[in-house]
């Protein structure tokens, strides 16, 4: 008889994501949260196999075959925890009771996971498109200093009175 958590099938989120594979890593840009994520090989293999049809045990076997090394299921649970934290899963299985309350460091120690096998996701926020606009160069018309690369928006003494403000003055 399967335990409750073994019957659950994790499913990766694929909507509103831009996905790019580079060597053994997968770069994922989340259009909803404006975040970029870099999944190392272990995390990427887990994420790719979260298709809603495979159990944690099955994903563990696939990862072991792909890496040609024994893979404890705790590696998969670590990856699922990270994927869930960064909102890259549509559905995640409930952790087994033995893993509840354990943080990442404790789980790594308990399982004796080698550093090379660790599923790692590096995440960073990306500025919204409006924040990514460039500033105005000196001499361009401005209405406030925040628009100018120099931070200065004022009246150019060489222009006639009433002329618009320019960056750099």
C-alpha atoms as a PDB file:
ATOM      1  CA  UNK A   1       0.000   0.000   0.000  1.00  0.00           C
ATOM      2  CA  UNK A   2       1.357   3.407  -0.959  1.00  0.00           C
ATOM      3  CA  UNK A   3       1.740   6.030   1.694  1.00  0.00           C
ATOM      4  CA  UNK A   4      -0.316   9.191   1.155  1.00  0.00           C
ATOM      5  CA  UNK A   5       2.642  11.342   0.063  1.00  0.00           C
ATOM      6  CA  UNK A   6       3.838   8.703  -2.433  1.00  0.00           C
ATOM      7  CA  UNK A   7       0.544   8.857  -4.347  1.00  0.00           C
ATOM      8  CA  UNK A   8       0.854  12.609  -4.908  1.00  0.00           C
ATOM      9  CA  UNK A   9       2.230  13.689  -8.246  1.00  0.00           C
ATOM     10  CA  UNK A  10       4.088  17.015  -8.409  1.00  0.00           C
ATOM     11  CA  UNK A  11       3.347  19.225 -11.402  1.00  0.00           C
ATOM     12  CA  UNK A  12       5.613  21.992 -12.672  1.00  0.00           C
ATOM     13  CA  UNK A  13       4.175  25.362 -13.533  1.00  0.00           C
ATOM     14  CA  UNK A  14       4.703  26.232 -17.194  1.00  0.00           C
ATOM     15  CA  UNK A  15       2.261  29.112 -17.787  1.00  0.00           C
ATOM     16  CA  UNK A  16       3.677  32.631 -18.133  1.00  0.00           C
ATOM     17  CA  UNK A  17       7.277  31.446 -17.974  1.00  0.00           C
ATOM     18  CA  UNK A  18      10.089  31.929 -20.469  1.00  0.00           C
ATOM     19  CA  UNK A  19      12.336  28.863 -20.369  1.00  0.00           C
ATOM     20  CA  UNK A  20      15.835  28.628 -21.812  1.00  0.00           C
ATOM     21  CA  UNK A  21      18.169  25.638 -21.488  1.00  0.00           C
ATOM     22  CA  UNK A  22      21.861  26.468 -21.268  1.00  0.00           C
ATOM     23  CA  UNK A  23      24.255  23.532 -20.944  1.00  0.00           C
ATOM     24  CA  UNK A  24      23.136  21.591 -17.830  1.00  0.00           C
ATOM     25  CA  UNK A  25      21.131  24.484 -16.387  1.00  0.00           C
ATOM     26  CA  UNK A  26      17.687  25.858 -17.051  1.00  0.00           C
ATOM     27  CA  UNK A  27      16.961  29.570 -16.929  1.00  0.00           C
ATOM     28  CA  UNK A  28      13.366  30.433 -16.105  1.00  0.00           C
ATOM     29  CA  UNK A  29      11.936  33.942 -16.271  1.00  0.00           C
ATOM     30  CA  UNK A  30       8.646  34.287 -14.412  1.00  0.00           C
ATOM     31  CA  UNK A  31       6.513  36.874 -16.216  1.00  0.00           C
ATOM     32  CA  UNK A  32       4.009  37.015 -13.342  1.00  0.00           C
ATOM     33  CA  UNK A  33       6.493  37.764 -10.553  1.00  0.00           C
ATOM     34  CA  UNK A  34       9.234  39.480 -12.609  1.00  0.00           C
ATOM     35  CA  UNK A  35      11.822  37.036 -11.279  1.00  0.00           C
ATOM     36  CA  UNK A  36      14.564  35.112 -12.997  1.00  0.00           C
ATOM     37  CA  UNK A  37      15.604  31.686 -11.739  1.00  0.00           C
ATOM     38  CA  UNK A  38      18.613  29.575 -12.621  1.00  0.00           C
ATOM     39  CA  UNK A  39      18.119  25.863 -11.899  1.00  0.00           C
ATOM     40  CA  UNK A  40      21.233  23.709 -11.691  1.00  0.00           C
ATOM     41  CA  UNK A  41      21.238  20.273 -13.279  1.00  0.00           C
ATOM     42  CA  UNK A  42      19.640  18.463 -10.323  1.00  0.00           C
ATOM     43  CA  UNK A  43      16.891  21.045  -9.820  1.00  0.00           C
ATOM     44  CA  UNK A  44      16.266  21.225 -13.579  1.00  0.00           C
ATOM     45  CA  UNK A  45      15.928  17.437 -13.906  1.00  0.00           C
ATOM     46  CA  UNK A  46      13.446  17.359 -11.034  1.00  0.00           C
ATOM     47  CA  UNK A  47      11.441  20.281 -12.446  1.00  0.00           C
ATOM     48  CA  UNK A  48      11.343  18.806 -15.962  1.00  0.00           C
ATOM     49  CA  UNK A  49      10.014  15.520 -14.561  1.00  0.00           C
ATOM     50  CA  UNK A  50       7.267  17.136 -12.483  1.00  0.00           C
ATOM     51  CA  UNK A  51       4.678  16.411 -15.143  1.00  0.00           C
ATOM     52  CA  UNK A  52       1.791  15.429 -12.870  1.00  0.00           C
ATOM     53  CA  UNK A  53       2.270  11.771 -13.829  1.00  0.00           C
ATOM     54  CA  UNK A  54       5.387  10.812 -11.849  1.00  0.00           C
ATOM     55  CA  UNK A  55       5.730  10.292  -8.116  1.00  0.00           C
ATOM     56  CA  UNK A  56       8.643  11.477  -6.010  1.00  0.00           C
ATOM     57  CA  UNK A  57       9.988   7.908  -6.064  1.00  0.00           C
ATOM     58  CA  UNK A  58       9.826   7.761  -9.848  1.00  0.00           C
ATOM     59  CA  UNK A  59      11.530  11.157 -10.198  1.00  0.00           C
ATOM     60  CA  UNK A  60      14.246   9.925  -7.823  1.00  0.00           C
ATOM     61  CA  UNK A  61      14.879   6.897 -10.061  1.00  0.00           C
ATOM     62  CA  UNK A  62      15.015   9.106 -13.181  1.00  0.00           C
ATOM     63  CA  UNK A  63      17.479  11.485 -11.516  1.00  0.00           C
ATOM     64  CA  UNK A  64      19.655   8.537 -10.445  1.00  0.00           C
ATOM     65  CA  UNK A  65      19.691   7.209 -14.014  1.00  0.00           C
ATOM     66  CA  UNK A  66      20.471  10.646 -15.515  1.00  0.00           C
ATOM     67  CA  UNK A  67      23.293  11.383 -13.063  1.00  0.00           C
ATOM     68  CA  UNK A  68      24.567   7.809 -12.904  1.00  0.00           C
ATOM     69  CA  UNK A  69      24.570   8.007  -9.100  1.00  0.00           C
ATOM     70  CA  UNK A  70      22.387   6.853  -6.243  1.00  0.00           C
ATOM     71  CA  UNK A  71      19.816   9.531  -5.401  1.00  0.00           C
ATOM     72  CA  UNK A  72      18.022   9.580  -2.092  1.00  0.00           C
ATOM     73  CA  UNK A  73      14.406  10.770  -2.244  1.00  0.00           C
ATOM     74  CA  UNK A  74      15.355  13.587   0.124  1.00  0.00           C
ATOM     75  CA  UNK A  75      17.159  15.223  -2.828  1.00  0.00           C
ATOM     76  CA  UNK A  76      13.835  15.317  -4.658  1.00  0.00           C
ATOM     77  CA  UNK A  77      12.099  16.735  -1.581  1.00  0.00           C
ATOM     78  CA  UNK A  78      14.757  19.447  -1.351  1.00  0.00           C
ATOM     79  CA  UNK A  79      14.212  20.352  -4.991  1.00  0.00           C
ATOM     80  CA  UNK A  80      10.423  20.359  -4.604  1.00  0.00           C
ATOM     81  CA  UNK A  81      10.750  22.608  -1.563  1.00  0.00           C
ATOM     82  CA  UNK A  82      12.851  25.087  -3.554  1.00  0.00           C
ATOM     83  CA  UNK A  83      10.595  24.905  -6.619  1.00  0.00           C
ATOM     84  CA  UNK A  84       7.551  25.545  -4.453  1.00  0.00           C
ATOM     85  CA  UNK A  85       9.290  28.434  -2.657  1.00  0.00           C
ATOM     86  CA  UNK A  86       9.924  30.149  -6.014  1.00  0.00           C
ATOM     87  CA  UNK A  87       6.384  29.396  -7.268  1.00  0.00           C
ATOM     88  CA  UNK A  88       7.548  27.080 -10.047  1.00  0.00           C
ATOM     89  CA  UNK A  89       5.089  24.297  -9.188  1.00  0.00           C
ATOM     90  CA  UNK A  90       1.378  24.112  -9.944  1.00  0.00           C
ATOM     91  CA  UNK A  91       0.982  21.399  -7.354  1.00  0.00           C
ATOM     92  CA  UNK A  92       3.429  20.024  -4.829  1.00  0.00           C
ATOM     93  CA  UNK A  93       3.035  16.909  -2.745  1.00  0.00           C
ATOM     94  CA  UNK A  94       2.757  17.235   1.004  1.00  0.00           C
ATOM     95  CA  UNK A  95       6.056  16.382   2.652  1.00  0.00           C
ATOM     96  CA  UNK A  96       6.249  13.118   4.572  1.00  0.00           C
ATOM     97  CA  UNK A  97       5.804  13.559   8.324  1.00  0.00           C
ATOM     98  CA  UNK A  98       9.472  12.657   8.929  1.00  0.00           C
ATOM     99  CA  UNK A  99      10.540  15.783   6.978  1.00  0.00           C
ATOM    100  CA  UNK A 100       8.160  18.285   8.616  1.00  0.00           C
ATOM    101  CA  UNK A 101       9.950  20.878  10.680  1.00  0.00           C
ATOM    102  CA  UNK A 102      13.335  20.136   9.108  1.00  0.00           C
ATOM    103  CA  UNK A 103      15.067  23.015   7.439  1.00  0.00           C
ATOM    104  CA  UNK A 104      17.231  22.609   4.335  1.00  0.00           C
ATOM    105  CA  UNK A 105      20.484  22.315   6.305  1.00  0.00           C
ATOM    106  CA  UNK A 106      19.081  19.635   8.649  1.00  0.00           C
ATOM    107  CA  UNK A 107      17.692  17.655   5.731  1.00  0.00           C
ATOM    108  CA  UNK A 108      21.037  17.754   3.912  1.00  0.00           C
ATOM    109  CA  UNK A 109      22.853  16.537   7.034  1.00  0.00           C
ATOM    110  CA  UNK A 110      20.319  13.789   7.757  1.00  0.00           C
ATOM    111  CA  UNK A 111      20.415  12.475   4.199  1.00  0.00           C
ATOM    112  CA  UNK A 112      24.167  12.891   3.780  1.00  0.00           C
ATOM    113  CA  UNK A 113      23.684  14.524   0.392  1.00  0.00           C
ATOM    114  CA  UNK A 114      26.852  15.377  -1.511  1.00  0.00           C
ATOM    115  CA  UNK A 115      27.199  19.031  -2.504  1.00  0.00           C
ATOM    116  CA  UNK A 116      27.364  18.142  -6.208  1.00  0.00           C
ATOM    117  CA  UNK A 117      23.949  16.465  -6.011  1.00  0.00           C
ATOM    118  CA  UNK A 118      22.213  19.364  -4.285  1.00  0.00           C
ATOM    119  CA  UNK A 119      19.362  20.871  -6.230  1.00  0.00           C
ATOM    120  CA  UNK A 120      20.087  24.583  -6.309  1.00  0.00           C
ATOM    121  CA  UNK A 121      17.967  27.440  -7.586  1.00  0.00           C
ATOM    122  CA  UNK A 122      19.391  30.937  -7.765  1.00  0.00           C
ATOM    123  CA  UNK A 123      16.695  33.564  -7.998  1.00  0.00           C
ATOM    124  CA  UNK A 124      16.770  37.300  -8.606  1.00  0.00           C
ATOM    125  CA  UNK A 125      14.163  39.998  -9.060  1.00  0.00           C
ATOM    126  CA  UNK A 126      13.992  41.799 -12.352  1.00  0.00           C
ATOM    127  CA  UNK A 127      12.890  45.436 -12.486  1.00  0.00           C
ATOM    128  CA  UNK A 128       9.508  46.126 -14.068  1.00  0.00           C
ATOM    129  CA  UNK A 129       9.783  47.493 -17.600  1.00  0.00           C
ATOM    130  CA  UNK A 130       8.959  51.048 -16.452  1.00  0.00           C
ATOM    131  CA  UNK A 131      11.928  51.006 -14.068  1.00  0.00           C
ATOM    132  CA  UNK A 132      14.312  49.873 -16.757  1.00  0.00           C
ATOM    133  CA  UNK A 133      13.997  53.071 -18.825  1.00  0.00           C
ATOM    134  CA  UNK A 134      17.183  55.025 -19.352  1.00  0.00           C
ATOM    135  CA  UNK A 135      17.752  58.535 -18.044  1.00  0.00           C
ATOM    136  CA  UNK A 136      17.914  61.744 -20.063  1.00  0.00           C
ATOM    137  CA  UNK A 137      21.318  63.087 -21.144  1.00  0.00           C
ATOM    138  CA  UNK A 138      22.574  66.605 -20.406  1.00  0.00           C
ATOM    139  CA  UNK A 139      20.852  69.190 -22.600  1.00  0.00           C
ATOM    140  CA  UNK A 140      17.615  67.224 -22.995  1.00  0.00           C
ATOM    141  CA  UNK A 141      14.336  68.781 -21.844  1.00  0.00           C
ATOM    142  CA  UNK A 142      13.224  67.637 -18.391  1.00  0.00           C
ATOM    143  CA  UNK A 143      10.653  68.405 -15.725  1.00  0.00           C
ATOM    144  CA  UNK A 144      12.509  67.041 -12.663  1.00  0.00           C
ATOM    145  CA  UNK A 145      15.963  65.830 -11.625  1.00  0.00           C
ATOM    146  CA  UNK A 146      14.830  62.201 -11.399  1.00  0.00           C
ATOM    147  CA  UNK A 147      14.602  62.068 -15.182  1.00  0.00           C
ATOM    148  CA  UNK A 148      18.212  63.171 -15.691  1.00  0.00           C
ATOM    149  CA  UNK A 149      21.313  60.972 -15.572  1.00  0.00           C
ATOM    150  CA  UNK A 150      23.048  63.823 -13.765  1.00  0.00           C
ATOM    151  CA  UNK A 151      20.156  64.225 -11.312  1.00  0.00           C
ATOM    152  CA  UNK A 152      20.064  67.941 -12.178  1.00  0.00           C
ATOM    153  CA  UNK A 153      17.148  69.543 -14.008  1.00  0.00           C
ATOM    154  CA  UNK A 154      17.209  73.326 -14.298  1.00  0.00           C
ATOM    155  CA  UNK A 155      17.250  76.402 -16.503  1.00  0.00           C
ATOM    156  CA  UNK A 156      20.150  76.770 -18.889  1.00  0.00           C
ATOM    157  CA  UNK A 157      21.457  80.321 -18.445  1.00  0.00           C
ATOM    158  CA  UNK A 158      22.327  80.449 -22.172  1.00  0.00           C
ATOM    159  CA  UNK A 159      18.694  80.029 -23.254  1.00  0.00           C
ATOM    160  CA  UNK A 160      16.060  82.786 -23.376  1.00  0.00           C
ATOM    161  CA  UNK A 161      13.863  83.361 -20.311  1.00  0.00           C
ATOM    162  CA  UNK A 162      10.875  80.988 -20.129  1.00  0.00           C
ATOM    163  CA  UNK A 163      12.711  78.221 -22.011  1.00  0.00           C
ATOM    164  CA  UNK A 164      12.056  74.681 -20.741  1.00  0.00           C
ATOM    165  CA  UNK A 165      14.343  73.139 -18.132  1.00  0.00           C
ATOM    166  CA  UNK A 166      17.240  70.956 -19.318  1.00  0.00           C
ATOM    167  CA  UNK A 167      19.231  68.174 -17.748  1.00  0.00           C
ATOM    168  CA  UNK A 168      22.632  69.126 -16.377  1.00  0.00           C
ATOM    169  CA  UNK A 169      21.743  72.595 -15.099  1.00  0.00           C
END
